[in-house]
Amino acid sequence: MKKFFTFIAAVCFAVSAMAETEFTFTSAADMNQTIGDYTVVLAKGSGSTAPSATVDYQTQTPEMRLYVGNTITVSSDEAITNIQMVFAKSSASNKPYTGLTASTGELVSGGESEDKNDWKVDSWTGSATQVVFTLTDKGQRRIQRLVIDGEPIVIDTTTTALPTADDLDPDYSYAEPTPVLPKDTVIWQEEYAFIHNNILVHCTQGSIVKAEEDSNPDDEKDDSHPAYFNCNANYQITFTATQPIKGIAIDGFVRKNFDASCDHGEIQYLTDEDKDMEGWPALVIMDINATSVTLSCPKQIRCYELRVYFQENPDPIDVVTTDTTDLYPVSAVAVDYSETEYSEEGSYSYWVKLSSANQYPEIWLDLYSAVKGDLSGSYSPYNYNVGEQNYVWFSDGETDAVTAYDIDVTIEKIEEGYSIAGVLTCWEQGKEWDDDSEDLIYRFAYEGPVRFVLPGEEGIENTQSETNSQKILRDGQLIILRGEKTYTVSGMEIK
């Protein structure tokens, strides 16, 4: 009986010794792992870059990236006879797929990976207590897992069938309107489909992206965004329900010079030839009167939320049209504050006045040039080189001016002096941003000499009028004196 149990124990030991051992790689801690009798170490080797645990920018999934010269060392106290490794091309798609060699035994390549989702299995056989695999040639590859003494790995290349209209519930009761939100997943630039609130969304190529906060709030670029599903440029997105749709409204984002068409209904959307736009909504389709509508998009659209109406059309987009007034200045003077407390190296203060043929309208630009004595440059709040004292004055009256809250000006040196052109976006007279002000846009261009003067020189900082009002600078701010009273440029009395 004792011999019988000894034999059983030996068989069990042999079976356990041949059991599959699997290593996976998703974090920095996975670069040195020990499971049972086996240890796997990822190392820099002779390469210039060490292996890195990173995140696929597009899918936000973790991955282990290997570079030329990196090594994968598999070791054990007992002889290793079988190793399988699952690799794919780097998510940095411009990087080629590296080669791989083994320090001993026989290595059979699973072939060259064509993209980041094309997983290949490299297989090693032999008898050694340590095997060192080295990445050769230029490029990168990603390692997903490493299996010792396992059954042959078969990569499942089948794809999950996308949902269709047959998957919708014909008895579903729709709300008015029915919202459709992005699916909680990540898809990048491929065909996709999903169902939310019994609405089928099918896109021939696009992405589904999770919400993201601003990665660097201190810089001027805001890369935050809500979760969205999008349709790439020159593709189509279709919305299907089980009863006729009256209209659709999309809260979202459209690329500059956006254009789109639909196969049912009348379409309206935001578009601007110079900039991307967001809107709530950004696109509306009315009078669809069909169970399905397809939107064709020569330019990209991102959908933060879709609202499907079945009884009434959605409200049309309230497009505010702003008139642009052209001004024609004929002379220019620059008040030079480059030697004052308002200036520092690389940011020299100049207050530029552009006057019309009969003096008014006057344009005042509060600029900070990079080079002392030279006004050349591109000026806007986004370049952090404009101040707050930018105005259009229409007369010498103490409140007869508008304040610019946005400025886009380009100044170039020319043989006659300077070419100054730009646009000021202003609040209405006496109003500010919280006063529900309508935008006033003034466009101007000037070519000719610019006279540089020091602060306080006659005719620049103090302008006397017949009504005994004066415009002066005080502590870097334009104020108005009328009799014994002092006013801001918006007409508020300063006590």
Protein backbone atom coordinates (compact mmCIF):
# COMPACT_ATOMS: atom_id res chain seq x y z
CA MET A 1 0.00 0.00 0.00
CA LYS A 2 2.84 2.40 0.84
CA LYS A 3 4.42 1.81 -2.59
CA PHE A 4 1.08 2.52 -4.25
CA PHE A 5 0.73 5.93 -2.53
CA THR A 6 4.36 6.71 -3.34
CA PHE A 7 3.65 6.00 -6.99
CA ILE A 8 0.55 8.25 -6.94
CA ALA A 9 2.55 11.06 -5.32
CA ALA A 10 5.24 10.75 -7.99
CA VAL A 11 2.65 10.97 -10.76
CA CYS A 12 1.06 14.02 -9.16
CA PHE A 13 4.47 15.68 -8.83
CA ALA A 14 5.23 15.00 -12.49
CA VAL A 15 1.87 16.45 -13.55
CA SER A 16 2.37 19.54 -11.37
CA ALA A 17 5.85 20.03 -12.78
CA MET A 18 4.34 20.16 -16.28
CA ALA A 19 1.51 22.54 -15.28
CA GLU A 20 1.13 25.73 -17.34
CA THR A 21 2.61 28.90 -15.88
CA GLU A 22 1.47 32.22 -17.35
CA PHE A 23 3.02 35.68 -16.93
CA THR A 24 1.15 38.84 -18.02
CA PHE A 25 2.55 42.37 -18.45
CA THR A 26 0.52 45.47 -17.64
CA SER A 27 2.53 47.50 -15.12
CA ALA A 28 6.09 48.36 -14.10
CA ALA A 29 5.91 45.71 -11.35
CA ASP A 30 5.59 43.06 -14.07
CA MET A 31 9.15 43.63 -15.33
CA ASN A 32 10.48 41.23 -12.67
CA GLN A 33 8.14 38.39 -11.76
CA THR A 34 8.46 35.03 -10.06
CA ILE A 35 5.70 32.44 -10.19
CA GLY A 36 6.46 29.04 -8.66
CA ASP A 37 9.84 27.84 -9.94
CA TYR A 38 10.04 30.37 -12.78
CA THR A 39 11.33 33.95 -12.97
CA VAL A 40 10.88 36.33 -15.90
CA VAL A 41 12.85 39.59 -16.10
CA LEU A 42 12.49 42.33 -18.69
CA ALA A 43 15.66 44.45 -18.92
CA LYS A 44 17.25 47.27 -20.94
CA GLY A 45 20.01 44.97 -22.19
CA SER A 46 22.19 46.65 -24.82
CA GLY A 47 19.42 49.04 -25.86
CA SER A 48 19.28 52.78 -25.32
CA THR A 49 15.73 52.65 -23.90
CA ALA A 50 14.54 50.38 -21.11
CA PRO A 51 11.24 48.49 -21.37
CA SER A 52 8.35 50.71 -20.35
CA ALA A 53 4.94 50.11 -18.90
CA THR A 54 2.77 52.69 -20.63
CA VAL A 55 -0.77 53.34 -21.77
CA ASP A 56 -2.12 53.19 -25.29
CA TYR A 57 -3.05 56.83 -25.96
CA GLN A 58 -6.01 55.87 -28.11
CA THR A 59 -7.59 53.09 -26.06
CA GLN A 60 -6.18 54.09 -22.65
CA THR A 61 -5.34 50.45 -21.92
CA PRO A 62 -2.06 49.45 -20.21
CA GLU A 63 0.71 47.86 -22.26
CA MET A 64 4.35 46.76 -21.94
CA ARG A 65 6.54 48.18 -24.68
CA LEU A 66 9.94 46.67 -25.63
CA TYR A 67 12.71 48.33 -27.62
CA VAL A 68 15.77 47.27 -29.64
CA GLY A 69 18.41 45.61 -27.45
CA ASN A 70 15.97 44.83 -24.62
CA THR A 71 16.05 41.34 -23.15
CA ILE A 72 13.52 38.87 -21.76
CA THR A 73 15.22 36.42 -19.40
CA VAL A 74 13.38 33.26 -18.33
CA SER A 75 15.05 31.16 -15.62
CA SER A 76 14.34 28.23 -13.31
CA ASP A 77 16.19 25.71 -11.12
CA GLU A 78 14.79 22.97 -13.34
CA ALA A 79 15.24 22.67 -17.09
CA ILE A 80 12.77 24.71 -19.15
CA THR A 81 11.54 22.97 -22.29
CA ASN A 82 8.71 25.08 -23.74
CA ILE A 83 8.03 28.85 -23.82
CA GLN A 84 5.41 30.77 -25.79
CA MET A 85 5.33 34.56 -26.00
CA VAL A 86 2.49 36.69 -27.37
CA PHE A 87 3.61 39.91 -29.09
CA ALA A 88 2.14 42.64 -31.29
CA LYS A 89 3.38 45.71 -33.05
CA SER A 90 3.73 48.84 -30.93
CA SER A 91 0.77 51.18 -30.65
CA ALA A 92 3.20 53.78 -32.01
CA SER A 93 2.17 52.64 -35.48
CA ASN A 94 5.09 54.26 -37.26
CA LYS A 95 7.54 51.94 -35.48
CA PRO A 96 8.46 48.69 -37.28
CA TYR A 97 8.14 45.29 -35.61
CA THR A 98 11.49 44.19 -34.18
CA GLY A 99 13.16 40.84 -34.63
CA LEU A 100 13.82 38.38 -31.78
CA THR A 101 16.64 35.92 -31.02
CA ALA A 102 17.20 33.28 -28.31
CA SER A 103 20.45 32.53 -26.48
CA THR A 104 19.89 28.77 -26.80
CA GLY A 105 17.37 26.25 -28.10
CA GLU A 106 15.11 26.72 -31.11
CA LEU A 107 12.94 29.82 -31.58
CA VAL A 108 10.12 29.78 -34.13
CA SER A 109 8.66 33.15 -35.09
CA GLY A 110 4.91 33.57 -35.27
CA GLY A 111 5.36 36.04 -38.14
CA GLU A 112 5.52 39.80 -38.39
CA SER A 113 2.78 41.74 -36.65
CA GLU A 114 1.07 44.23 -38.97
CA ASP A 115 -0.66 46.43 -36.37
CA LYS A 116 -1.21 46.74 -32.64
CA ASN A 117 -4.14 44.31 -32.68
CA ASP A 118 -2.34 41.68 -34.79
CA TRP A 119 -1.04 39.38 -32.04
CA LYS A 120 1.63 36.80 -32.92
CA VAL A 121 2.96 33.82 -30.94
CA ASP A 122 6.72 33.15 -30.90
CA SER A 123 7.51 29.63 -29.64
CA TRP A 124 10.74 28.35 -28.06
CA THR A 125 11.71 24.72 -27.38
CA GLY A 126 14.89 23.28 -25.87
CA SER A 127 16.30 22.32 -22.48
CA ALA A 128 17.91 25.02 -20.35
CA THR A 129 17.65 26.56 -16.90
CA GLN A 130 17.95 30.03 -18.44
CA VAL A 131 16.98 31.46 -21.82
CA VAL A 132 17.68 35.07 -22.84
CA PHE A 133 15.58 36.53 -25.65
CA THR A 134 16.91 39.71 -27.30
CA LEU A 135 15.07 42.19 -29.53
CA THR A 136 17.05 42.89 -32.69
CA ASP A 137 16.90 45.32 -35.62
CA LYS A 138 15.13 48.66 -35.33
CA GLY A 139 11.62 49.16 -34.04
CA GLN A 140 9.50 48.07 -31.09
CA ARG A 141 7.07 45.39 -30.02
CA ARG A 142 4.59 44.87 -27.20
CA ILE A 143 4.48 41.76 -25.03
CA GLN A 144 1.10 40.62 -23.75
CA ARG A 145 1.93 37.34 -22.01
CA LEU A 146 4.51 34.57 -21.66
CA VAL A 147 3.46 30.95 -21.08
CA ILE A 148 5.73 28.12 -19.91
CA ASP A 149 4.77 24.46 -20.48
CA GLY A 150 1.36 25.36 -21.82
CA GLU A 151 -0.90 24.06 -24.54
CA PRO A 152 -0.27 25.70 -27.95
CA ILE A 153 -1.69 29.23 -27.91
CA VAL A 154 -4.24 29.96 -30.61
CA ILE A 155 -5.03 33.65 -31.20
CA ASP A 156 -8.76 34.19 -31.64
CA THR A 157 -9.10 36.34 -34.75
CA THR A 158 -12.89 36.26 -34.83
CA THR A 159 -14.63 39.58 -34.28
CA THR A 160 -17.81 40.17 -32.35
CA ALA A 161 -20.72 40.93 -34.61
CA LEU A 162 -21.93 44.51 -34.36
CA PRO A 163 -25.54 45.04 -33.23
CA THR A 164 -28.11 45.72 -35.94
CA ALA A 165 -31.66 47.02 -36.13
CA ASP A 166 -32.86 43.43 -35.52
CA ASP A 167 -31.52 43.77 -31.98
CA LEU A 168 -33.88 46.64 -31.14
CA ASP A 169 -36.99 46.02 -29.01
CA PRO A 170 -40.05 46.65 -31.24
CA ASP A 171 -42.25 47.27 -28.15
CA TYR A 172 -39.95 49.86 -26.55
CA SER A 173 -41.65 53.04 -25.28
CA TYR A 174 -39.53 56.08 -26.17
CA ALA A 175 -39.26 59.21 -24.02
CA GLU A 176 -39.65 62.62 -25.68
CA PRO A 177 -36.85 63.29 -26.33
CA THR A 178 -34.84 60.09 -25.90
CA PRO A 179 -31.20 60.76 -24.96
CA VAL A 180 -28.33 58.72 -26.37
CA LEU A 181 -24.96 58.89 -24.59
CA PRO A 182 -21.55 57.43 -25.50
CA LYS A 183 -21.00 53.80 -24.64
CA ASP A 184 -18.62 53.24 -21.69
CA THR A 185 -15.80 51.82 -23.78
CA VAL A 186 -12.95 52.95 -25.99
CA ILE A 187 -12.91 52.42 -29.76
CA TRP A 188 -10.42 54.14 -32.03
CA GLN A 189 -10.96 54.97 -35.67
CA GLU A 190 -12.88 51.88 -36.74
CA GLU A 191 -16.40 50.81 -37.55
CA TYR A 192 -18.58 50.60 -34.46
CA ALA A 193 -22.19 50.24 -33.40
CA PHE A 194 -24.01 50.33 -30.07
CA ILE A 195 -27.54 50.59 -28.71
CA HIS A 196 -28.63 53.02 -26.00
CA ASN A 197 -32.25 53.58 -25.00
CA ASN A 198 -33.27 51.39 -27.93
CA ILE A 199 -31.56 53.72 -30.43
CA LEU A 200 -28.99 52.05 -32.68
CA VAL A 201 -25.92 54.13 -33.49
CA HIS A 202 -23.80 52.78 -36.36
CA CYS A 203 -20.71 54.57 -37.69
CA THR A 204 -18.70 53.39 -40.69
CA GLN A 205 -15.53 54.81 -39.10
CA GLY A 206 -15.10 56.73 -35.89
CA SER A 207 -14.14 56.56 -32.23
CA ILE A 208 -15.69 56.31 -28.80
CA VAL A 209 -13.62 58.24 -26.25
CA LYS A 210 -13.97 58.62 -22.49
CA ALA A 211 -14.03 62.02 -20.78
CA GLU A 212 -10.65 63.63 -20.17
CA GLU A 213 -9.57 66.50 -17.93
CA ASP A 214 -7.12 69.19 -18.99
CA SER A 215 -3.69 67.56 -18.76
CA ASN A 216 -1.91 70.86 -18.09
CA PRO A 217 -4.19 73.64 -16.79
CA ASP A 218 -1.25 76.07 -16.71
CA ASP A 219 -0.71 76.14 -20.47
CA GLU A 220 -2.95 77.84 -23.01
CA LYS A 221 -4.12 74.61 -24.59
CA ASP A 222 -7.28 73.10 -23.14
CA ASP A 223 -7.38 69.41 -24.06
CA SER A 224 -10.26 68.52 -21.73
CA HIS A 225 -13.46 67.12 -23.24
CA PRO A 226 -16.59 65.18 -22.26
CA ALA A 227 -17.03 61.57 -23.31
CA TYR A 228 -18.07 61.40 -26.94
CA PHE A 229 -18.64 59.22 -29.97
CA ASN A 230 -17.63 60.68 -33.29
CA CYS A 231 -17.81 60.22 -37.01
CA ASN A 232 -14.55 60.70 -38.88
CA ALA A 233 -14.30 62.97 -41.90
CA ASN A 234 -15.71 61.46 -45.10
CA TYR A 235 -17.65 58.72 -43.28
CA GLN A 236 -21.28 58.22 -42.22
CA ILE A 237 -23.17 57.74 -38.98
CA THR A 238 -26.70 56.31 -38.86
CA PHE A 239 -29.34 56.53 -36.11
CA THR A 240 -32.15 53.96 -36.07
CA ALA A 241 -35.26 53.52 -33.91
CA THR A 242 -38.30 51.24 -34.08
CA GLN A 243 -40.73 54.06 -34.79
CA PRO A 244 -40.49 57.10 -37.07
CA ILE A 245 -38.09 59.77 -35.86
CA LYS A 246 -39.25 63.37 -36.14
CA GLY A 247 -35.96 65.12 -35.36
CA ILE A 248 -32.49 64.84 -33.82
CA ALA A 249 -30.35 67.32 -31.90
CA ILE A 250 -26.65 66.70 -31.26
CA ASP A 251 -24.70 68.46 -28.53
CA GLY A 252 -21.12 68.33 -29.65
CA PHE A 253 -18.09 69.61 -31.49
CA VAL A 254 -17.48 70.19 -35.19
CA ARG A 255 -14.26 70.85 -37.07
CA LYS A 256 -13.69 74.19 -38.76
CA ASN A 257 -15.43 74.64 -42.08
CA PHE A 258 -17.81 71.85 -41.05
CA ASP A 259 -20.21 70.51 -43.65
CA ALA A 260 -22.73 67.67 -43.54
CA SER A 261 -25.79 66.23 -45.27
CA CYS A 262 -28.51 63.71 -44.40
CA ASP A 263 -30.71 61.32 -46.34
CA HIS A 264 -33.95 62.42 -44.61
CA GLY A 265 -35.09 65.75 -43.26
CA GLU A 266 -33.66 69.26 -43.12
CA ILE A 267 -30.26 69.81 -41.53
CA GLN A 268 -28.79 72.79 -39.68
CA TYR A 269 -25.35 72.98 -38.06
CA LEU A 270 -22.68 75.26 -36.70
CA THR A 271 -19.78 76.03 -39.00
CA ASP A 272 -16.94 78.52 -39.18
CA GLU A 273 -14.27 78.69 -41.85
CA ASP A 274 -11.55 79.63 -39.37
CA LYS A 275 -12.16 77.65 -36.18
CA ASP A 276 -13.62 74.51 -34.60
CA MET A 277 -16.94 75.01 -32.85
CA GLU A 278 -18.93 73.52 -29.95
CA GLY A 279 -22.65 73.81 -29.52
CA TRP A 280 -25.61 72.68 -27.44
CA PRO A 281 -26.76 71.72 -29.98
CA ALA A 282 -24.13 71.83 -32.71
CA LEU A 283 -26.32 70.04 -35.27
CA VAL A 284 -30.06 69.62 -35.70
CA ILE A 285 -32.07 67.53 -38.18
CA MET A 286 -35.80 68.28 -38.51
CA ASP A 287 -38.72 66.60 -40.30
CA ILE A 288 -36.96 63.25 -40.68
CA ASN A 289 -40.19 61.21 -40.63
CA ALA A 290 -38.36 57.86 -40.97
CA THR A 291 -37.14 55.17 -38.58
CA SER A 292 -33.55 55.72 -39.66
CA VAL A 293 -31.46 58.71 -40.72
CA THR A 294 -27.89 58.73 -42.05
CA LEU A 295 -25.59 61.70 -41.56
CA SER A 296 -22.74 62.09 -44.08
CA CYS A 297 -19.81 64.10 -42.73
CA PRO A 298 -17.06 65.48 -44.97
CA LYS A 299 -15.73 66.96 -41.71
CA GLN A 300 -15.52 65.34 -38.26
CA ILE A 301 -18.33 65.67 -35.73
CA ARG A 302 -18.15 64.64 -32.07
CA CYS A 303 -21.38 63.76 -30.26
CA TYR A 304 -21.49 64.46 -26.52
CA GLU A 305 -25.21 63.71 -26.35
CA LEU A 306 -27.80 62.85 -28.96
CA ARG A 307 -31.48 63.64 -28.40
CA VAL A 308 -34.05 61.85 -30.56
CA TYR A 309 -37.50 63.42 -30.92
CA PHE A 310 -40.55 61.44 -32.01
CA GLN A 311 -43.45 63.88 -31.56
CA GLU A 312 -42.09 67.35 -32.31
CA ASN A 313 -39.03 68.80 -34.00
CA PRO A 314 -36.19 69.99 -31.78
CA ASP A 315 -35.64 73.73 -31.50
CA PRO A 316 -33.49 75.10 -34.32
CA ILE A 317 -29.99 76.33 -33.58
CA ASP A 318 -30.03 79.92 -32.42
CA VAL A 319 -27.29 81.35 -34.60
CA VAL A 320 -26.20 84.82 -33.56
CA THR A 321 -24.96 86.84 -36.49
CA THR A 322 -22.64 89.68 -35.60
CA ASP A 323 -22.13 92.61 -37.91
CA THR A 324 -18.55 93.62 -38.59
CA THR A 325 -17.69 97.30 -38.83
CA ASP A 326 -14.69 98.26 -40.94
CA LEU A 327 -12.55 101.16 -39.67
CA TYR A 328 -10.03 103.05 -41.78
CA PRO A 329 -7.29 104.68 -39.67
CA VAL A 330 -4.89 107.07 -41.44
CA SER A 331 -2.33 107.82 -38.72
CA ALA A 332 -0.67 105.99 -35.87
CA VAL A 333 1.11 106.96 -32.65
CA ALA A 334 2.75 104.59 -30.13
CA VAL A 335 3.10 105.71 -26.50
CA ASP A 336 6.39 104.13 -25.40
CA TYR A 337 6.30 102.59 -21.91
CA SER A 338 9.36 100.40 -22.50
CA GLU A 339 11.34 102.23 -19.80
CA THR A 340 8.61 102.10 -17.17
CA GLU A 341 7.52 99.66 -14.51
CA TYR A 342 5.02 98.20 -17.00
CA SER A 343 7.82 96.63 -19.08
CA GLU A 344 10.34 93.87 -18.65
CA GLU A 345 12.74 92.09 -20.95
CA GLY A 346 10.84 90.39 -23.77
CA SER A 347 7.61 92.21 -22.89
CA TYR A 348 7.81 95.92 -23.66
CA SER A 349 4.67 97.98 -23.18
CA TYR A 350 3.33 100.20 -25.99
CA TRP A 351 -0.05 101.88 -26.24
CA VAL A 352 -0.83 102.35 -29.92
CA LYS A 353 -3.41 104.89 -31.09
CA LEU A 354 -4.81 104.65 -34.62
CA SER A 355 -6.81 107.68 -35.73
CA SER A 356 -9.26 108.15 -38.58
CA ALA A 357 -9.18 111.04 -41.07
CA ASN A 358 -11.27 113.22 -38.73
CA GLN A 359 -9.60 111.77 -35.62
CA TYR A 360 -12.56 109.54 -34.65
CA PRO A 361 -13.13 106.64 -34.48
CA GLU A 362 -9.87 106.06 -32.58
CA ILE A 363 -8.47 102.59 -31.94
CA TRP A 364 -6.34 102.10 -28.82
CA LEU A 365 -4.24 98.90 -28.58
CA ASP A 366 -2.53 97.84 -25.35
CA LEU A 367 0.41 95.78 -26.64
CA TYR A 368 3.53 94.09 -25.23
CA SER A 369 6.19 93.58 -27.89
CA ALA A 370 8.99 91.05 -27.68
CA VAL A 371 11.63 93.47 -28.99
CA LYS A 372 12.20 96.94 -27.58
CA GLY A 373 11.48 99.62 -30.13
CA ASP A 374 9.83 97.20 -32.56
CA LEU A 375 6.06 96.66 -32.70
CA SER A 376 6.25 93.63 -35.01
CA GLY A 377 4.37 90.56 -33.82
CA SER A 378 1.07 88.73 -33.52
CA TYR A 379 -1.02 89.95 -30.61
CA SER A 380 -3.88 88.17 -28.88
CA PRO A 381 -4.89 87.09 -25.35
CA TYR A 382 -3.76 83.57 -26.30
CA ASN A 383 -0.24 84.87 -26.91
CA TYR A 384 -0.25 86.62 -23.51
CA ASN A 385 0.99 89.87 -25.06
CA VAL A 386 -1.99 92.22 -24.82
CA GLY A 387 -3.24 94.23 -21.86
CA GLU A 388 -6.79 95.17 -20.86
CA GLN A 389 -6.82 98.74 -22.23
CA ASN A 390 -8.06 98.13 -25.78
CA TYR A 391 -10.83 100.45 -26.98
CA VAL A 392 -12.65 102.00 -29.90
CA TRP A 393 -13.53 105.66 -29.22
CA PHE A 394 -16.22 107.34 -31.30
CA SER A 395 -15.97 110.89 -29.93
CA ASP A 396 -14.49 112.87 -27.10
CA GLY A 397 -17.48 112.10 -24.89
CA GLU A 398 -16.54 110.48 -21.60
CA THR A 399 -18.52 107.29 -22.23
CA ASP A 400 -18.48 107.18 -26.01
CA ALA A 401 -16.28 104.09 -26.30
CA VAL A 402 -16.47 100.31 -26.38
CA THR A 403 -14.03 97.95 -24.64
CA ALA A 404 -12.43 95.04 -26.49
CA TYR A 405 -12.38 91.73 -24.66
CA ASP A 406 -10.75 89.89 -27.56
CA ILE A 407 -8.04 91.18 -29.85
CA ASP A 408 -6.34 89.60 -32.85
CA VAL A 409 -3.76 91.96 -34.38
CA THR A 410 -0.79 91.38 -36.66
CA ILE A 411 1.92 94.02 -37.07
CA GLU A 412 4.67 93.80 -39.69
CA LYS A 413 7.51 96.13 -40.58
CA ILE A 414 7.30 97.65 -44.05
CA GLU A 415 9.39 100.23 -45.89
CA GLU A 416 6.96 103.05 -44.98
CA GLY A 417 6.78 102.04 -41.31
CA TYR A 418 4.36 99.34 -40.22
CA SER A 419 1.44 97.34 -41.54
CA ILE A 420 -1.14 96.97 -38.73
CA ALA A 421 -4.24 94.84 -39.28
CA GLY A 422 -6.63 93.15 -36.94
CA VAL A 423 -10.02 92.58 -35.36
CA LEU A 424 -11.37 93.77 -32.01
CA THR A 425 -14.36 92.01 -30.45
CA CYS A 426 -16.00 94.41 -28.00
CA TRP A 427 -18.77 94.60 -25.45
CA GLU A 428 -21.61 96.99 -26.05
CA GLN A 429 -21.20 100.49 -24.67
CA GLY A 430 -21.39 100.49 -20.90
CA LYS A 431 -21.65 96.69 -20.68
CA GLU A 432 -19.31 93.91 -19.66
CA TRP A 433 -19.25 90.14 -20.03
CA ASP A 434 -21.80 89.51 -17.29
CA ASP A 435 -24.27 92.04 -18.67
CA ASP A 436 -25.57 89.87 -21.54
CA SER A 437 -23.74 92.07 -24.02
CA GLU A 438 -23.96 91.49 -27.77
CA ASP A 439 -20.62 91.25 -29.55
CA LEU A 440 -19.45 94.24 -31.55
CA ILE A 441 -16.70 93.46 -34.06
CA TYR A 442 -14.39 96.07 -35.55
CA ARG A 443 -11.98 95.25 -38.34
CA PHE A 444 -9.20 97.63 -39.37
CA ALA A 445 -6.00 97.93 -41.40
CA TYR A 446 -3.32 100.59 -41.54
CA GLU A 447 -0.07 100.95 -43.47
CA GLY A 448 2.33 103.83 -42.86
CA PRO A 449 4.57 105.50 -40.31
CA VAL A 450 4.13 105.10 -36.56
CA ARG A 451 5.29 108.01 -34.39
CA PHE A 452 6.81 106.89 -31.08
CA VAL A 453 6.28 109.30 -28.15
CA LEU A 454 6.91 109.19 -24.43
CA PRO A 455 4.04 109.16 -21.89
CA GLY A 456 2.65 112.61 -21.19
CA GLU A 457 3.68 114.18 -24.48
CA GLU A 458 1.23 116.73 -25.91
CA GLY A 459 -1.73 115.28 -27.77
CA ILE A 460 -1.32 111.70 -26.63
CA GLU A 461 -2.06 111.13 -22.98
CA ASN A 462 -4.04 114.30 -22.30
CA THR A 463 -6.67 115.28 -24.85
CA GLN A 464 -8.65 118.40 -24.01
CA SER A 465 -12.11 118.74 -25.53
CA GLU A 466 -14.61 121.53 -25.85
CA THR A 467 -16.66 119.85 -23.16
CA ASN A 468 -13.72 120.08 -20.77
CA SER A 469 -13.23 116.29 -20.56
CA GLN A 470 -9.84 114.62 -20.48
CA LYS A 471 -8.67 111.07 -21.17
CA ILE A 472 -5.60 110.25 -19.09
CA LEU A 473 -3.60 107.22 -17.98
CA ARG A 474 -3.47 106.62 -14.26
CA ASP A 475 -1.63 103.59 -12.89
CA GLY A 476 -1.73 102.04 -16.34
CA GLN A 477 -5.49 102.41 -16.72
CA LEU A 478 -7.40 104.79 -18.98
CA ILE A 479 -9.74 107.10 -17.05
CA ILE A 480 -11.78 110.17 -17.93
CA LEU A 481 -11.80 113.50 -16.10
CA ARG A 482 -14.81 115.76 -16.53
CA GLY A 483 -14.85 118.79 -14.29
CA GLU A 484 -14.19 117.54 -10.78
CA LYS A 485 -15.47 114.01 -11.44
CA THR A 486 -13.57 110.89 -12.57
CA TYR A 487 -15.05 108.09 -14.70
CA THR A 488 -14.02 104.72 -16.06
CA VAL A 489 -14.18 104.20 -19.82
CA SER A 490 -17.49 102.39 -19.34
CA GLY A 491 -18.99 105.54 -17.75
CA MET A 492 -18.96 104.51 -14.09
CA GLU A 493 -18.02 107.29 -11.69
CA ILE A 494 -14.92 106.67 -9.56
CA LYS A 495 -15.53 107.93 -6.04
